[in-house]
C-alpha cells in the first residue's frame, strides 16, 4: 500500500480538534472582554467624538477664513480658535450681568411661579388632568427617567473640560490621529478607509453647520417673542432654548417648559400663546435649516433618529442623547460604504 494512503493518526486528529476548540474559546473570550471594555469606556469614546466635533468646527471655520482672506492655513486656524474664545468672552462680558440677574430672578421666583401655574391649570379640566399625570408616582418616574438621561461620567464640568481639551488636541494635529487610524488598516483598504473618513468629515461639518445656525436662530426668535409678550427672563429662556436645540426632539420640549410655566402665571391664554410661539419658531427653524443639513449630510429617518436617542440616552445619559444623531450618521455611512455599495458592486459584476 502506498505511504500516501495511510490513515491519519487518531492522536493528531484529537490534538487538532482540541486546538480548534481552544482557538474558538479564545476568540469568544476576547470578543467578550472587548465588548465589556467598550461598554465601560463608552462614555470616554463619546467624549472623543465630541472632541472631534469641536475640531471639525475649528477646521471648518479655519477653512472659511482661509478662503476669504487668503491667509496661510496656520494663521487661519489660529484666528479660528482664538477668535472663537474672544467672541465668547465678549458676549459673556456684555450680557453676562444681565444673564446673571435674570437667572437669579428666575431662580427666586420659580417656586411661586410653579404654584401659580398649578392654580391656573387646576381651573380647567384639561389642566387638572395634566396635574394629575405629573403628580404622585408618575412624577417620581419622570424624575428617575430624567436623572438617567441627564447623568454624566465625570460631572458636567469634568466632561466639558475633557471634551474641550480633546477638541484642542484634535484641532492641533488632525493628520496625526487620522494617519494613526489608517496605519491599522490593510494596505489594499487604505484608500477606502480614507474615502470613508472624508465622507464622515463632510457629514459632520454639515450637521454642525446646520445645528449652530438653528441654535442661533431659535435663540433670537424666542428671545424677541418673549420680550414682546413681556415674559420675564426672556434672554435666559432664549439661551436655554438655543442650547437645548442641540438635542433634537427632546430639547425643544424641555426648553418650552419654563417659558410656558412663566406665561401661565399671567394667564392660561398667555401660556397657550407662548407654547405656540415655541412650536412656530421650531417649525420655522426646521424649514430653514433642514435643507442645509441635507445638502451635506445623509437624510436620517425621524423614527430612526428618535430610537437612537432613546438607546444612547439609556446607555450614556445626556452626552449620548446629544451625540446620537452624528453617531447614527457615522454608522449609516459605514454600513453604506462597507456593505450596501459592496453588495451593489457584486451584483453589477
C-alpha atoms as a PDB file:
ATOM      1  CA  UNK A   1       0.000   0.000   0.000  1.00  0.00           C
ATOM      2  CA  UNK A   2       1.463   3.473  -0.866  1.00  0.00           C
ATOM      3  CA  UNK A   3       2.509   5.668   2.049  1.00  0.00           C
ATOM      4  CA  UNK A   4       0.095   8.440   0.978  1.00  0.00           C
ATOM      5  CA  UNK A   5      -2.911   6.209   1.676  1.00  0.00           C
ATOM      6  CA  UNK A   6      -2.046   5.585   5.356  1.00  0.00           C
ATOM      7  CA  UNK A   7      -4.871   6.506   7.749  1.00  0.00           C
ATOM      8  CA  UNK A   8      -4.305   9.693   9.764  1.00  0.00           C
ATOM      9  CA  UNK A   9      -3.019   9.326  13.291  1.00  0.00           C
ATOM     10  CA  UNK A  10      -6.057   9.494  15.709  1.00  0.00           C
ATOM     11  CA  UNK A  11      -3.920  11.264  18.312  1.00  0.00           C
ATOM     12  CA  UNK A  12      -3.041  14.025  15.835  1.00  0.00           C
ATOM     13  CA  UNK A  13      -6.710  14.368  14.879  1.00  0.00           C
ATOM     14  CA  UNK A  14      -7.681  14.753  18.518  1.00  0.00           C
ATOM     15  CA  UNK A  15      -4.950  17.348  19.107  1.00  0.00           C
ATOM     16  CA  UNK A  16      -6.018  19.273  16.009  1.00  0.00           C
ATOM     17  CA  UNK A  17      -9.642  19.245  17.176  1.00  0.00           C
ATOM     18  CA  UNK A  18      -8.632  20.391  20.690  1.00  0.00           C
ATOM     19  CA  UNK A  19      -6.551  23.229  19.252  1.00  0.00           C
ATOM     20  CA  UNK A  20      -9.525  24.457  17.194  1.00  0.00           C
ATOM     21  CA  UNK A  21     -11.777  24.325  20.245  1.00  0.00           C
ATOM     22  CA  UNK A  22      -9.322  26.345  22.317  1.00  0.00           C
ATOM     23  CA  UNK A  23      -8.885  28.850  19.474  1.00  0.00           C
ATOM     24  CA  UNK A  24     -12.641  29.292  19.326  1.00  0.00           C
ATOM     25  CA  UNK A  25     -12.859  29.740  23.088  1.00  0.00           C
ATOM     26  CA  UNK A  26     -10.033  32.283  22.995  1.00  0.00           C
ATOM     27  CA  UNK A  27     -11.729  34.295  20.219  1.00  0.00           C
ATOM     28  CA  UNK A  28     -15.059  34.320  22.067  1.00  0.00           C
ATOM     29  CA  UNK A  29     -13.309  35.357  25.297  1.00  0.00           C
ATOM     30  CA  UNK A  30     -11.506  38.194  23.521  1.00  0.00           C
ATOM     31  CA  UNK A  31     -14.788  39.390  21.990  1.00  0.00           C
ATOM     32  CA  UNK A  32     -16.493  39.355  25.387  1.00  0.00           C
ATOM     33  CA  UNK A  33     -13.600  41.242  27.002  1.00  0.00           C
ATOM     34  CA  UNK A  34     -13.620  43.743  24.129  1.00  0.00           C
ATOM     35  CA  UNK A  35     -17.368  44.318  24.486  1.00  0.00           C
ATOM     36  CA  UNK A  36     -17.020  44.815  28.245  1.00  0.00           C
ATOM     37  CA  UNK A  37     -14.171  47.298  27.753  1.00  0.00           C
ATOM     38  CA  UNK A  38     -16.175  49.244  25.185  1.00  0.00           C
ATOM     39  CA  UNK A  39     -19.213  49.231  27.483  1.00  0.00           C
ATOM     40  CA  UNK A  40     -17.214  50.583  30.413  1.00  0.00           C
ATOM     41  CA  UNK A  41     -15.312  53.124  28.304  1.00  0.00           C
ATOM     42  CA  UNK A  42     -18.277  54.038  26.068  1.00  0.00           C
ATOM     43  CA  UNK A  43     -18.678  57.500  27.595  1.00  0.00           C
ATOM     44  CA  UNK A  44     -14.985  58.164  27.040  1.00  0.00           C
ATOM     45  CA  UNK A  45     -15.410  57.229  23.369  1.00  0.00           C
ATOM     46  CA  UNK A  46     -18.370  59.601  23.163  1.00  0.00           C
ATOM     47  CA  UNK A  47     -16.253  62.400  24.648  1.00  0.00           C
ATOM     48  CA  UNK A  48     -13.656  61.649  21.970  1.00  0.00           C
ATOM     49  CA  UNK A  49     -16.422  62.029  19.355  1.00  0.00           C
ATOM     50  CA  UNK A  50     -17.495  65.324  20.960  1.00  0.00           C
ATOM     51  CA  UNK A  51     -13.868  66.476  20.858  1.00  0.00           C
ATOM     52  CA  UNK A  52     -13.754  65.526  17.182  1.00  0.00           C
ATOM     53  CA  UNK A  53     -16.840  67.689  16.552  1.00  0.00           C
ATOM     54  CA  UNK A  54     -15.090  70.635  18.224  1.00  0.00           C
ATOM     55  CA  UNK A  55     -12.101  70.037  15.960  1.00  0.00           C
ATOM     56  CA  UNK A  56     -14.438  69.842  12.942  1.00  0.00           C
ATOM     57  CA  UNK A  57     -15.891  73.229  13.941  1.00  0.00           C
ATOM     58  CA  UNK A  58     -12.468  74.873  14.289  1.00  0.00           C
ATOM     59  CA  UNK A  59     -11.248  73.443  10.980  1.00  0.00           C
ATOM     60  CA  UNK A  60     -14.467  74.389   9.190  1.00  0.00           C
ATOM     61  CA  UNK A  61     -14.167  77.964  10.438  1.00  0.00           C
ATOM     62  CA  UNK A  62     -10.463  77.945   9.561  1.00  0.00           C
ATOM     63  CA  UNK A  63     -11.290  76.819   6.003  1.00  0.00           C
ATOM     64  CA  UNK A  64     -13.769  79.689   5.676  1.00  0.00           C
ATOM     65  CA  UNK A  65     -11.254  82.236   6.990  1.00  0.00           C
ATOM     66  CA  UNK A  66      -8.542  80.923   4.676  1.00  0.00           C
ATOM     67  CA  UNK A  67     -10.897  81.070   1.700  1.00  0.00           C
ATOM     68  CA  UNK A  68     -11.999  84.644   2.400  1.00  0.00           C
ATOM     69  CA  UNK A  69      -8.650  86.140   3.472  1.00  0.00           C
ATOM     70  CA  UNK A  70      -6.130  84.008   1.518  1.00  0.00           C
ATOM     71  CA  UNK A  71      -4.103  83.605   4.710  1.00  0.00           C
ATOM     72  CA  UNK A  72      -1.929  80.569   5.353  1.00  0.00           C
ATOM     73  CA  UNK A  73      -3.538  77.526   6.918  1.00  0.00           C
ATOM     74  CA  UNK A  74      -1.690  78.018  10.190  1.00  0.00           C
ATOM     75  CA  UNK A  75      -2.780  81.645  10.700  1.00  0.00           C
ATOM     76  CA  UNK A  76      -6.333  80.833   9.655  1.00  0.00           C
ATOM     77  CA  UNK A  77      -6.511  78.128  12.332  1.00  0.00           C
ATOM     78  CA  UNK A  78      -5.043  80.459  14.981  1.00  0.00           C
ATOM     79  CA  UNK A  79      -7.693  83.059  14.140  1.00  0.00           C
ATOM     80  CA  UNK A  80     -10.377  80.362  14.195  1.00  0.00           C
ATOM     81  CA  UNK A  81      -9.514  79.107  17.691  1.00  0.00           C
ATOM     82  CA  UNK A  82      -8.549  82.446  19.267  1.00  0.00           C
ATOM     83  CA  UNK A  83     -11.414  84.327  17.616  1.00  0.00           C
ATOM     84  CA  UNK A  84     -13.985  81.837  18.938  1.00  0.00           C
ATOM     85  CA  UNK A  85     -12.803  82.246  22.531  1.00  0.00           C
ATOM     86  CA  UNK A  86     -12.616  86.042  22.168  1.00  0.00           C
ATOM     87  CA  UNK A  87     -16.190  86.238  20.828  1.00  0.00           C
ATOM     88  CA  UNK A  88     -17.477  84.029  23.647  1.00  0.00           C
ATOM     89  CA  UNK A  89     -15.604  86.149  26.186  1.00  0.00           C
ATOM     90  CA  UNK A  90     -17.017  89.403  24.764  1.00  0.00           C
ATOM     91  CA  UNK A  91     -20.554  88.039  24.791  1.00  0.00           C
ATOM     92  CA  UNK A  92     -20.194  86.997  28.414  1.00  0.00           C
ATOM     93  CA  UNK A  93     -18.702  90.405  29.248  1.00  0.00           C
ATOM     94  CA  UNK A  94     -21.505  92.450  27.670  1.00  0.00           C
ATOM     95  CA  UNK A  95     -24.544  90.330  28.531  1.00  0.00           C
ATOM     96  CA  UNK A  96     -23.185  88.283  31.438  1.00  0.00           C
ATOM     97  CA  UNK A  97     -24.518  90.659  34.102  1.00  0.00           C
ATOM     98  CA  UNK A  98     -27.977  90.682  32.526  1.00  0.00           C
ATOM     99  CA  UNK A  99     -28.000  86.891  32.251  1.00  0.00           C
ATOM    100  CA  UNK A 100     -26.947  86.559  35.885  1.00  0.00           C
ATOM    101  CA  UNK A 101     -29.679  88.899  37.095  1.00  0.00           C
ATOM    102  CA  UNK A 102     -32.330  87.087  35.046  1.00  0.00           C
ATOM    103  CA  UNK A 103     -31.127  83.685  36.285  1.00  0.00           C
ATOM    104  CA  UNK A 104     -31.320  84.950  39.884  1.00  0.00           C
ATOM    105  CA  UNK A 105     -34.798  86.342  39.255  1.00  0.00           C
ATOM    106  CA  UNK A 106     -35.917  83.089  37.630  1.00  0.00           C
ATOM    107  CA  UNK A 107     -34.490  81.015  40.486  1.00  0.00           C
ATOM    108  CA  UNK A 108     -36.056  83.172  43.224  1.00  0.00           C
ATOM    109  CA  UNK A 109     -39.484  83.272  41.599  1.00  0.00           C
ATOM    110  CA  UNK A 110     -39.570  79.645  40.414  1.00  0.00           C
ATOM    111  CA  UNK A 111     -41.424  78.124  43.423  1.00  0.00           C
ATOM    112  CA  UNK A 112     -44.029  80.909  43.365  1.00  0.00           C
ATOM    113  CA  UNK A 113     -44.369  80.615  39.576  1.00  0.00           C
ATOM    114  CA  UNK A 114     -44.915  76.850  39.791  1.00  0.00           C
ATOM    115  CA  UNK A 115     -47.582  77.298  42.471  1.00  0.00           C
ATOM    116  CA  UNK A 116     -49.313  79.993  40.428  1.00  0.00           C
ATOM    117  CA  UNK A 117     -49.143  77.856  37.280  1.00  0.00           C
ATOM    118  CA  UNK A 118     -50.694  74.913  39.143  1.00  0.00           C
ATOM    119  CA  UNK A 119     -53.503  77.139  40.397  1.00  0.00           C
ATOM    120  CA  UNK A 120     -54.205  78.378  36.861  1.00  0.00           C
ATOM    121  CA  UNK A 121     -54.141  74.850  35.422  1.00  0.00           C
ATOM    122  CA  UNK A 122     -56.464  73.478  38.104  1.00  0.00           C
ATOM    123  CA  UNK A 123     -59.181  75.844  36.890  1.00  0.00           C
ATOM    124  CA  UNK A 124     -59.698  73.756  33.716  1.00  0.00           C
ATOM    125  CA  UNK A 125     -60.457  70.063  33.240  1.00  0.00           C
ATOM    126  CA  UNK A 126     -57.550  69.542  30.837  1.00  0.00           C
ATOM    127  CA  UNK A 127     -55.151  71.322  33.188  1.00  0.00           C
ATOM    128  CA  UNK A 128     -56.304  69.199  36.115  1.00  0.00           C
ATOM    129  CA  UNK A 129     -55.661  66.020  34.119  1.00  0.00           C
ATOM    130  CA  UNK A 130     -52.145  67.288  33.349  1.00  0.00           C
ATOM    131  CA  UNK A 131     -51.540  67.981  37.043  1.00  0.00           C
ATOM    132  CA  UNK A 132     -52.801  64.530  37.991  1.00  0.00           C
ATOM    133  CA  UNK A 133     -50.494  62.917  35.431  1.00  0.00           C
ATOM    134  CA  UNK A 134     -47.392  64.768  36.687  1.00  0.00           C
ATOM    135  CA  UNK A 135     -48.024  64.112  40.375  1.00  0.00           C
ATOM    136  CA  UNK A 136     -47.536  61.114  42.670  1.00  0.00           C
ATOM    137  CA  UNK A 137     -45.907  58.006  41.228  1.00  0.00           C
ATOM    138  CA  UNK A 138     -45.800  59.483  37.725  1.00  0.00           C
ATOM    139  CA  UNK A 139     -43.697  62.433  38.884  1.00  0.00           C
ATOM    140  CA  UNK A 140     -41.214  60.057  40.525  1.00  0.00           C
ATOM    141  CA  UNK A 141     -40.982  58.004  37.328  1.00  0.00           C
ATOM    142  CA  UNK A 142     -40.450  61.147  35.243  1.00  0.00           C
ATOM    143  CA  UNK A 143     -37.766  62.378  37.662  1.00  0.00           C
ATOM    144  CA  UNK A 144     -35.991  58.996  37.575  1.00  0.00           C
ATOM    145  CA  UNK A 145     -36.084  58.951  33.767  1.00  0.00           C
ATOM    146  CA  UNK A 146     -34.722  62.499  33.579  1.00  0.00           C
ATOM    147  CA  UNK A 147     -31.968  61.644  36.052  1.00  0.00           C
ATOM    148  CA  UNK A 148     -30.954  58.656  33.911  1.00  0.00           C
ATOM    149  CA  UNK A 149     -30.935  60.650  30.688  1.00  0.00           C
ATOM    150  CA  UNK A 150     -29.035  63.613  32.108  1.00  0.00           C
ATOM    151  CA  UNK A 151     -26.372  61.782  34.080  1.00  0.00           C
ATOM    152  CA  UNK A 152     -22.675  62.266  33.208  1.00  0.00           C
ATOM    153  CA  UNK A 153     -19.429  60.339  33.653  1.00  0.00           C
ATOM    154  CA  UNK A 154     -17.235  62.886  35.460  1.00  0.00           C
ATOM    155  CA  UNK A 155     -19.805  65.570  36.207  1.00  0.00           C
ATOM    156  CA  UNK A 156     -20.824  68.325  33.783  1.00  0.00           C
ATOM    157  CA  UNK A 157     -17.685  70.417  34.297  1.00  0.00           C
ATOM    158  CA  UNK A 158     -15.432  67.351  34.108  1.00  0.00           C
ATOM    159  CA  UNK A 159     -16.973  66.202  30.836  1.00  0.00           C
ATOM    160  CA  UNK A 160     -16.731  69.705  29.360  1.00  0.00           C
ATOM    161  CA  UNK A 161     -13.098  70.023  30.448  1.00  0.00           C
ATOM    162  CA  UNK A 162     -12.090  66.681  28.904  1.00  0.00           C
ATOM    163  CA  UNK A 163     -14.070  67.277  25.714  1.00  0.00           C
ATOM    164  CA  UNK A 164     -12.601  70.765  25.221  1.00  0.00           C
ATOM    165  CA  UNK A 165      -9.024  69.591  25.592  1.00  0.00           C
ATOM    166  CA  UNK A 166      -9.629  66.629  23.287  1.00  0.00           C
ATOM    167  CA  UNK A 167     -11.026  69.065  20.736  1.00  0.00           C
ATOM    168  CA  UNK A 168      -7.933  71.279  21.027  1.00  0.00           C
ATOM    169  CA  UNK A 169      -5.605  68.281  20.623  1.00  0.00           C
ATOM    170  CA  UNK A 170      -7.527  67.025  17.582  1.00  0.00           C
ATOM    171  CA  UNK A 171      -7.508  70.545  16.133  1.00  0.00           C
ATOM    172  CA  UNK A 172      -3.749  70.964  16.594  1.00  0.00           C
ATOM    173  CA  UNK A 173      -2.730  67.691  14.873  1.00  0.00           C
ATOM    174  CA  UNK A 174      -5.630  66.163  12.915  1.00  0.00           C
ATOM    175  CA  UNK A 175      -3.377  64.290  10.468  1.00  0.00           C
ATOM    176  CA  UNK A 176      -1.556  62.597  13.362  1.00  0.00           C
ATOM    177  CA  UNK A 177      -4.748  60.898  14.558  1.00  0.00           C
ATOM    178  CA  UNK A 178      -6.111  60.200  11.068  1.00  0.00           C
ATOM    179  CA  UNK A 179      -2.844  58.608   9.947  1.00  0.00           C
ATOM    180  CA  UNK A 180      -2.730  56.656  13.193  1.00  0.00           C
ATOM    181  CA  UNK A 181      -6.089  55.103  12.323  1.00  0.00           C
ATOM    182  CA  UNK A 182      -5.057  54.419   8.718  1.00  0.00           C
ATOM    183  CA  UNK A 183      -1.922  52.569   9.907  1.00  0.00           C
ATOM    184  CA  UNK A 184      -4.200  49.904  11.383  1.00  0.00           C
ATOM    185  CA  UNK A 185      -5.931  49.367   8.010  1.00  0.00           C
ATOM    186  CA  UNK A 186      -4.544  46.804   5.500  1.00  0.00           C
ATOM    187  CA  UNK A 187      -2.698  48.355   2.558  1.00  0.00           C
ATOM    188  CA  UNK A 188      -5.312  47.367  -0.031  1.00  0.00           C
ATOM    189  CA  UNK A 189      -8.081  49.016   2.064  1.00  0.00           C
ATOM    190  CA  UNK A 190      -6.345  52.291   2.930  1.00  0.00           C
ATOM    191  CA  UNK A 191      -7.931  54.254   0.060  1.00  0.00           C
ATOM    192  CA  UNK A 192     -11.398  53.046   1.034  1.00  0.00           C
ATOM    193  CA  UNK A 193     -10.752  53.997   4.674  1.00  0.00           C
ATOM    194  CA  UNK A 194      -9.530  57.443   3.606  1.00  0.00           C
ATOM    195  CA  UNK A 195     -12.639  57.975   1.461  1.00  0.00           C
ATOM    196  CA  UNK A 196     -14.886  56.929   4.370  1.00  0.00           C
ATOM    197  CA  UNK A 197     -13.190  59.330   6.804  1.00  0.00           C
ATOM    198  CA  UNK A 198     -13.532  62.166   4.269  1.00  0.00           C
ATOM    199  CA  UNK A 199     -17.233  61.407   3.808  1.00  0.00           C
ATOM    200  CA  UNK A 200     -17.775  61.281   7.587  1.00  0.00           C
ATOM    201  CA  UNK A 201     -15.956  64.607   7.952  1.00  0.00           C
ATOM    202  CA  UNK A 202     -18.207  66.252   5.337  1.00  0.00           C
ATOM    203  CA  UNK A 203     -21.342  64.839   7.002  1.00  0.00           C
ATOM    204  CA  UNK A 204     -20.287  66.058  10.459  1.00  0.00           C
ATOM    205  CA  UNK A 205     -19.459  69.517   9.077  1.00  0.00           C
ATOM    206  CA  UNK A 206     -22.925  69.708   7.527  1.00  0.00           C
ATOM    207  CA  UNK A 207     -24.596  68.616  10.763  1.00  0.00           C
ATOM    208  CA  UNK A 208     -22.544  71.043  12.839  1.00  0.00           C
ATOM    209  CA  UNK A 209     -23.199  73.961  10.484  1.00  0.00           C
ATOM    210  CA  UNK A 210     -26.934  73.335  10.496  1.00  0.00           C
ATOM    211  CA  UNK A 211     -27.002  72.838  14.264  1.00  0.00           C
ATOM    212  CA  UNK A 212     -25.140  76.076  15.022  1.00  0.00           C
ATOM    213  CA  UNK A 213     -27.369  78.018  12.634  1.00  0.00           C
ATOM    214  CA  UNK A 214     -30.532  76.581  14.191  1.00  0.00           C
ATOM    215  CA  UNK A 215     -29.267  77.352  17.727  1.00  0.00           C
ATOM    216  CA  UNK A 216     -28.639  80.998  16.845  1.00  0.00           C
ATOM    217  CA  UNK A 217     -31.962  81.422  15.005  1.00  0.00           C
ATOM    218  CA  UNK A 218     -34.103  79.822  17.717  1.00  0.00           C
ATOM    219  CA  UNK A 219     -32.372  81.893  20.411  1.00  0.00           C
ATOM    220  CA  UNK A 220     -33.151  85.117  18.551  1.00  0.00           C
ATOM    221  CA  UNK A 221     -36.768  84.179  17.757  1.00  0.00           C
ATOM    222  CA  UNK A 222     -37.646  83.034  21.281  1.00  0.00           C
ATOM    223  CA  UNK A 223     -35.908  85.975  22.970  1.00  0.00           C
ATOM    224  CA  UNK A 224     -37.640  88.547  20.758  1.00  0.00           C
ATOM    225  CA  UNK A 225     -41.029  86.821  21.008  1.00  0.00           C
ATOM    226  CA  UNK A 226     -40.954  86.512  24.815  1.00  0.00           C
ATOM    227  CA  UNK A 227     -39.702  90.089  25.186  1.00  0.00           C
ATOM    228  CA  UNK A 228     -42.584  91.424  23.081  1.00  0.00           C
ATOM    229  CA  UNK A 229     -45.048  89.466  25.253  1.00  0.00           C
ATOM    230  CA  UNK A 230     -43.472  90.821  28.436  1.00  0.00           C
ATOM    231  CA  UNK A 231     -42.390  87.431  29.806  1.00  0.00           C
ATOM    232  CA  UNK A 232     -39.641  87.858  32.458  1.00  0.00           C
ATOM    233  CA  UNK A 233     -36.136  86.410  31.907  1.00  0.00           C
ATOM    234  CA  UNK A 234     -36.698  86.336  28.135  1.00  0.00           C
ATOM    235  CA  UNK A 235     -32.972  86.364  27.337  1.00  0.00           C
ATOM    236  CA  UNK A 236     -32.227  83.430  29.641  1.00  0.00           C
ATOM    237  CA  UNK A 237     -35.177  81.449  28.271  1.00  0.00           C
ATOM    238  CA  UNK A 238     -33.982  82.154  24.725  1.00  0.00           C
ATOM    239  CA  UNK A 239     -30.452  80.981  25.557  1.00  0.00           C
ATOM    240  CA  UNK A 240     -31.787  77.841  27.228  1.00  0.00           C
ATOM    241  CA  UNK A 241     -33.828  77.088  24.109  1.00  0.00           C
ATOM    242  CA  UNK A 242     -30.817  77.675  21.863  1.00  0.00           C
ATOM    243  CA  UNK A 243     -28.557  75.414  23.915  1.00  0.00           C
ATOM    244  CA  UNK A 244     -31.143  72.629  24.114  1.00  0.00           C
ATOM    245  CA  UNK A 245     -31.637  72.830  20.346  1.00  0.00           C
ATOM    246  CA  UNK A 246     -28.589  70.554  20.117  1.00  0.00           C
ATOM    247  CA  UNK A 247     -30.853  67.746  21.435  1.00  0.00           C
ATOM    248  CA  UNK A 248     -33.381  67.009  18.657  1.00  0.00           C
ATOM    249  CA  UNK A 249     -36.934  66.008  19.656  1.00  0.00           C
ATOM    250  CA  UNK A 250     -36.348  66.258  23.423  1.00  0.00           C
ATOM    251  CA  UNK A 251     -34.534  69.610  23.632  1.00  0.00           C
ATOM    252  CA  UNK A 252     -37.340  71.847  22.307  1.00  0.00           C
ATOM    253  CA  UNK A 253     -39.895  70.174  24.608  1.00  0.00           C
ATOM    254  CA  UNK A 254     -37.695  70.626  27.687  1.00  0.00           C
ATOM    255  CA  UNK A 255     -36.902  74.248  26.751  1.00  0.00           C
ATOM    256  CA  UNK A 256     -40.605  75.049  26.396  1.00  0.00           C
ATOM    257  CA  UNK A 257     -41.458  74.043  29.990  1.00  0.00           C
ATOM    258  CA  UNK A 258     -40.005  77.051  31.907  1.00  0.00           C
ATOM    259  CA  UNK A 259     -41.337  79.519  29.330  1.00  0.00           C
ATOM    260  CA  UNK A 260     -44.860  78.118  29.495  1.00  0.00           C
ATOM    261  CA  UNK A 261     -44.743  77.972  33.308  1.00  0.00           C
ATOM    262  CA  UNK A 262     -43.842  81.670  33.489  1.00  0.00           C
ATOM    263  CA  UNK A 263     -46.545  82.515  30.959  1.00  0.00           C
ATOM    264  CA  UNK A 264     -49.157  80.576  32.964  1.00  0.00           C
ATOM    265  CA  UNK A 265     -48.551  82.930  35.901  1.00  0.00           C
ATOM    266  CA  UNK A 266     -50.041  85.639  33.689  1.00  0.00           C
ATOM    267  CA  UNK A 267     -52.900  83.554  32.361  1.00  0.00           C
ATOM    268  CA  UNK A 268     -53.842  80.334  30.611  1.00  0.00           C
ATOM    269  CA  UNK A 269     -54.259  82.120  27.285  1.00  0.00           C
ATOM    270  CA  UNK A 270     -50.781  83.606  27.621  1.00  0.00           C
ATOM    271  CA  UNK A 271     -49.405  80.110  28.298  1.00  0.00           C
ATOM    272  CA  UNK A 272     -51.071  78.809  25.147  1.00  0.00           C
ATOM    273  CA  UNK A 273     -49.677  81.695  23.077  1.00  0.00           C
ATOM    274  CA  UNK A 274     -46.146  81.102  24.432  1.00  0.00           C
ATOM    275  CA  UNK A 275     -46.442  77.377  23.637  1.00  0.00           C
ATOM    276  CA  UNK A 276     -47.490  78.317  20.088  1.00  0.00           C
ATOM    277  CA  UNK A 277     -44.506  80.691  19.899  1.00  0.00           C
ATOM    278  CA  UNK A 278     -42.133  77.827  20.693  1.00  0.00           C
ATOM    279  CA  UNK A 279     -43.836  75.480  18.223  1.00  0.00           C
ATOM    280  CA  UNK A 280     -43.939  78.043  15.382  1.00  0.00           C
ATOM    281  CA  UNK A 281     -40.320  79.070  15.992  1.00  0.00           C
ATOM    282  CA  UNK A 282     -39.191  75.435  15.889  1.00  0.00           C
ATOM    283  CA  UNK A 283     -41.147  74.927  12.657  1.00  0.00           C
ATOM    284  CA  UNK A 284     -39.576  77.983  11.018  1.00  0.00           C
ATOM    285  CA  UNK A 285     -36.064  76.954  12.033  1.00  0.00           C
ATOM    286  CA  UNK A 286     -36.601  73.369  10.865  1.00  0.00           C
ATOM    287  CA  UNK A 287     -37.812  74.520   7.450  1.00  0.00           C
ATOM    288  CA  UNK A 288     -34.817  76.835   7.026  1.00  0.00           C
ATOM    289  CA  UNK A 289     -32.112  74.588   8.414  1.00  0.00           C
ATOM    290  CA  UNK A 290     -33.181  71.117   7.245  1.00  0.00           C
ATOM    291  CA  UNK A 291     -32.352  71.723   3.530  1.00  0.00           C
ATOM    292  CA  UNK A 292     -28.918  72.999   4.560  1.00  0.00           C
ATOM    293  CA  UNK A 293     -28.250  69.878   6.632  1.00  0.00           C
ATOM    294  CA  UNK A 294     -29.446  67.531   3.889  1.00  0.00           C
ATOM    295  CA  UNK A 295     -27.012  69.031   1.379  1.00  0.00           C
ATOM    296  CA  UNK A 296     -24.003  67.901   3.405  1.00  0.00           C
ATOM    297  CA  UNK A 297     -25.402  65.066   5.471  1.00  0.00           C
ATOM    298  CA  UNK A 298     -27.321  61.907   4.701  1.00  0.00           C
ATOM    299  CA  UNK A 299     -31.067  62.038   5.248  1.00  0.00           C
ATOM    300  CA  UNK A 300     -31.836  60.235   8.509  1.00  0.00           C
ATOM    301  CA  UNK A 301     -35.414  58.989   9.078  1.00  0.00           C
ATOM    302  CA  UNK A 302     -37.024  60.773  12.083  1.00  0.00           C
ATOM    303  CA  UNK A 303     -38.119  57.498  13.701  1.00  0.00           C
ATOM    304  CA  UNK A 304     -34.577  56.102  13.461  1.00  0.00           C
ATOM    305  CA  UNK A 305     -33.217  59.311  14.981  1.00  0.00           C
ATOM    306  CA  UNK A 306     -35.648  59.077  17.911  1.00  0.00           C
ATOM    307  CA  UNK A 307     -34.824  55.410  18.524  1.00  0.00           C
ATOM    308  CA  UNK A 308     -31.093  56.139  18.500  1.00  0.00           C
ATOM    309  CA  UNK A 309     -31.607  58.961  21.018  1.00  0.00           C
ATOM    310  CA  UNK A 310     -33.565  56.690  23.363  1.00  0.00           C
ATOM    311  CA  UNK A 311     -30.902  53.973  23.159  1.00  0.00           C
ATOM    312  CA  UNK A 312     -27.998  56.395  23.595  1.00  0.00           C
ATOM    313  CA  UNK A 313     -29.779  58.213  26.418  1.00  0.00           C
ATOM    314  CA  UNK A 314     -30.221  54.931  28.265  1.00  0.00           C
ATOM    315  CA  UNK A 315     -26.579  53.976  27.729  1.00  0.00           C
ATOM    316  CA  UNK A 316     -24.804  57.283  28.291  1.00  0.00           C
ATOM    317  CA  UNK A 317     -27.201  59.935  29.569  1.00  0.00           C
ATOM    318  CA  UNK A 318     -27.099  63.496  28.256  1.00  0.00           C
ATOM    319  CA  UNK A 319     -23.928  63.053  26.213  1.00  0.00           C
ATOM    320  CA  UNK A 320     -25.442  60.067  24.447  1.00  0.00           C
ATOM    321  CA  UNK A 321     -28.612  61.998  23.578  1.00  0.00           C
ATOM    322  CA  UNK A 322     -26.608  64.933  22.199  1.00  0.00           C
ATOM    323  CA  UNK A 323     -24.301  62.769  20.092  1.00  0.00           C
ATOM    324  CA  UNK A 324     -26.940  60.252  18.956  1.00  0.00           C
ATOM    325  CA  UNK A 325     -27.515  61.956  15.592  1.00  0.00           C
ATOM    326  CA  UNK A 326     -23.854  62.336  14.493  1.00  0.00           C
ATOM    327  CA  UNK A 327     -23.110  58.819  15.766  1.00  0.00           C
ATOM    328  CA  UNK A 328     -26.078  57.460  13.799  1.00  0.00           C
ATOM    329  CA  UNK A 329     -24.841  59.317  10.704  1.00  0.00           C
ATOM    330  CA  UNK A 330     -21.392  57.730  11.080  1.00  0.00           C
ATOM    331  CA  UNK A 331     -22.945  54.283  11.474  1.00  0.00           C
ATOM    332  CA  UNK A 332     -25.153  54.718   8.389  1.00  0.00           C
ATOM    333  CA  UNK A 333     -22.155  55.888   6.324  1.00  0.00           C
ATOM    334  CA  UNK A 334     -20.100  52.869   7.426  1.00  0.00           C
ATOM    335  CA  UNK A 335     -22.935  50.466   6.539  1.00  0.00           C
ATOM    336  CA  UNK A 336     -23.413  52.181   3.179  1.00  0.00           C
ATOM    337  CA  UNK A 337     -19.714  52.098   2.267  1.00  0.00           C
ATOM    338  CA  UNK A 338     -18.797  48.669   3.642  1.00  0.00           C
ATOM    339  CA  UNK A 339     -21.963  46.705   2.930  1.00  0.00           C
ATOM    340  CA  UNK A 340     -24.535  48.377   0.648  1.00  0.00           C
ATOM    341  CA  UNK A 341     -22.149  49.659  -2.046  1.00  0.00           C
ATOM    342  CA  UNK A 342     -20.123  46.448  -1.912  1.00  0.00           C
ATOM    343  CA  UNK A 343     -23.299  44.422  -2.389  1.00  0.00           C
ATOM    344  CA  UNK A 344     -24.390  46.563  -5.352  1.00  0.00           C
ATOM    345  CA  UNK A 345     -20.929  46.225  -6.926  1.00  0.00           C
ATOM    346  CA  UNK A 346     -21.029  42.434  -6.501  1.00  0.00           C
ATOM    347  CA  UNK A 347     -24.455  42.264  -8.176  1.00  0.00           C
ATOM    348  CA  UNK A 348     -23.240  44.502 -11.036  1.00  0.00           C
ATOM    349  CA  UNK A 349     -20.203  42.294 -11.600  1.00  0.00           C
END
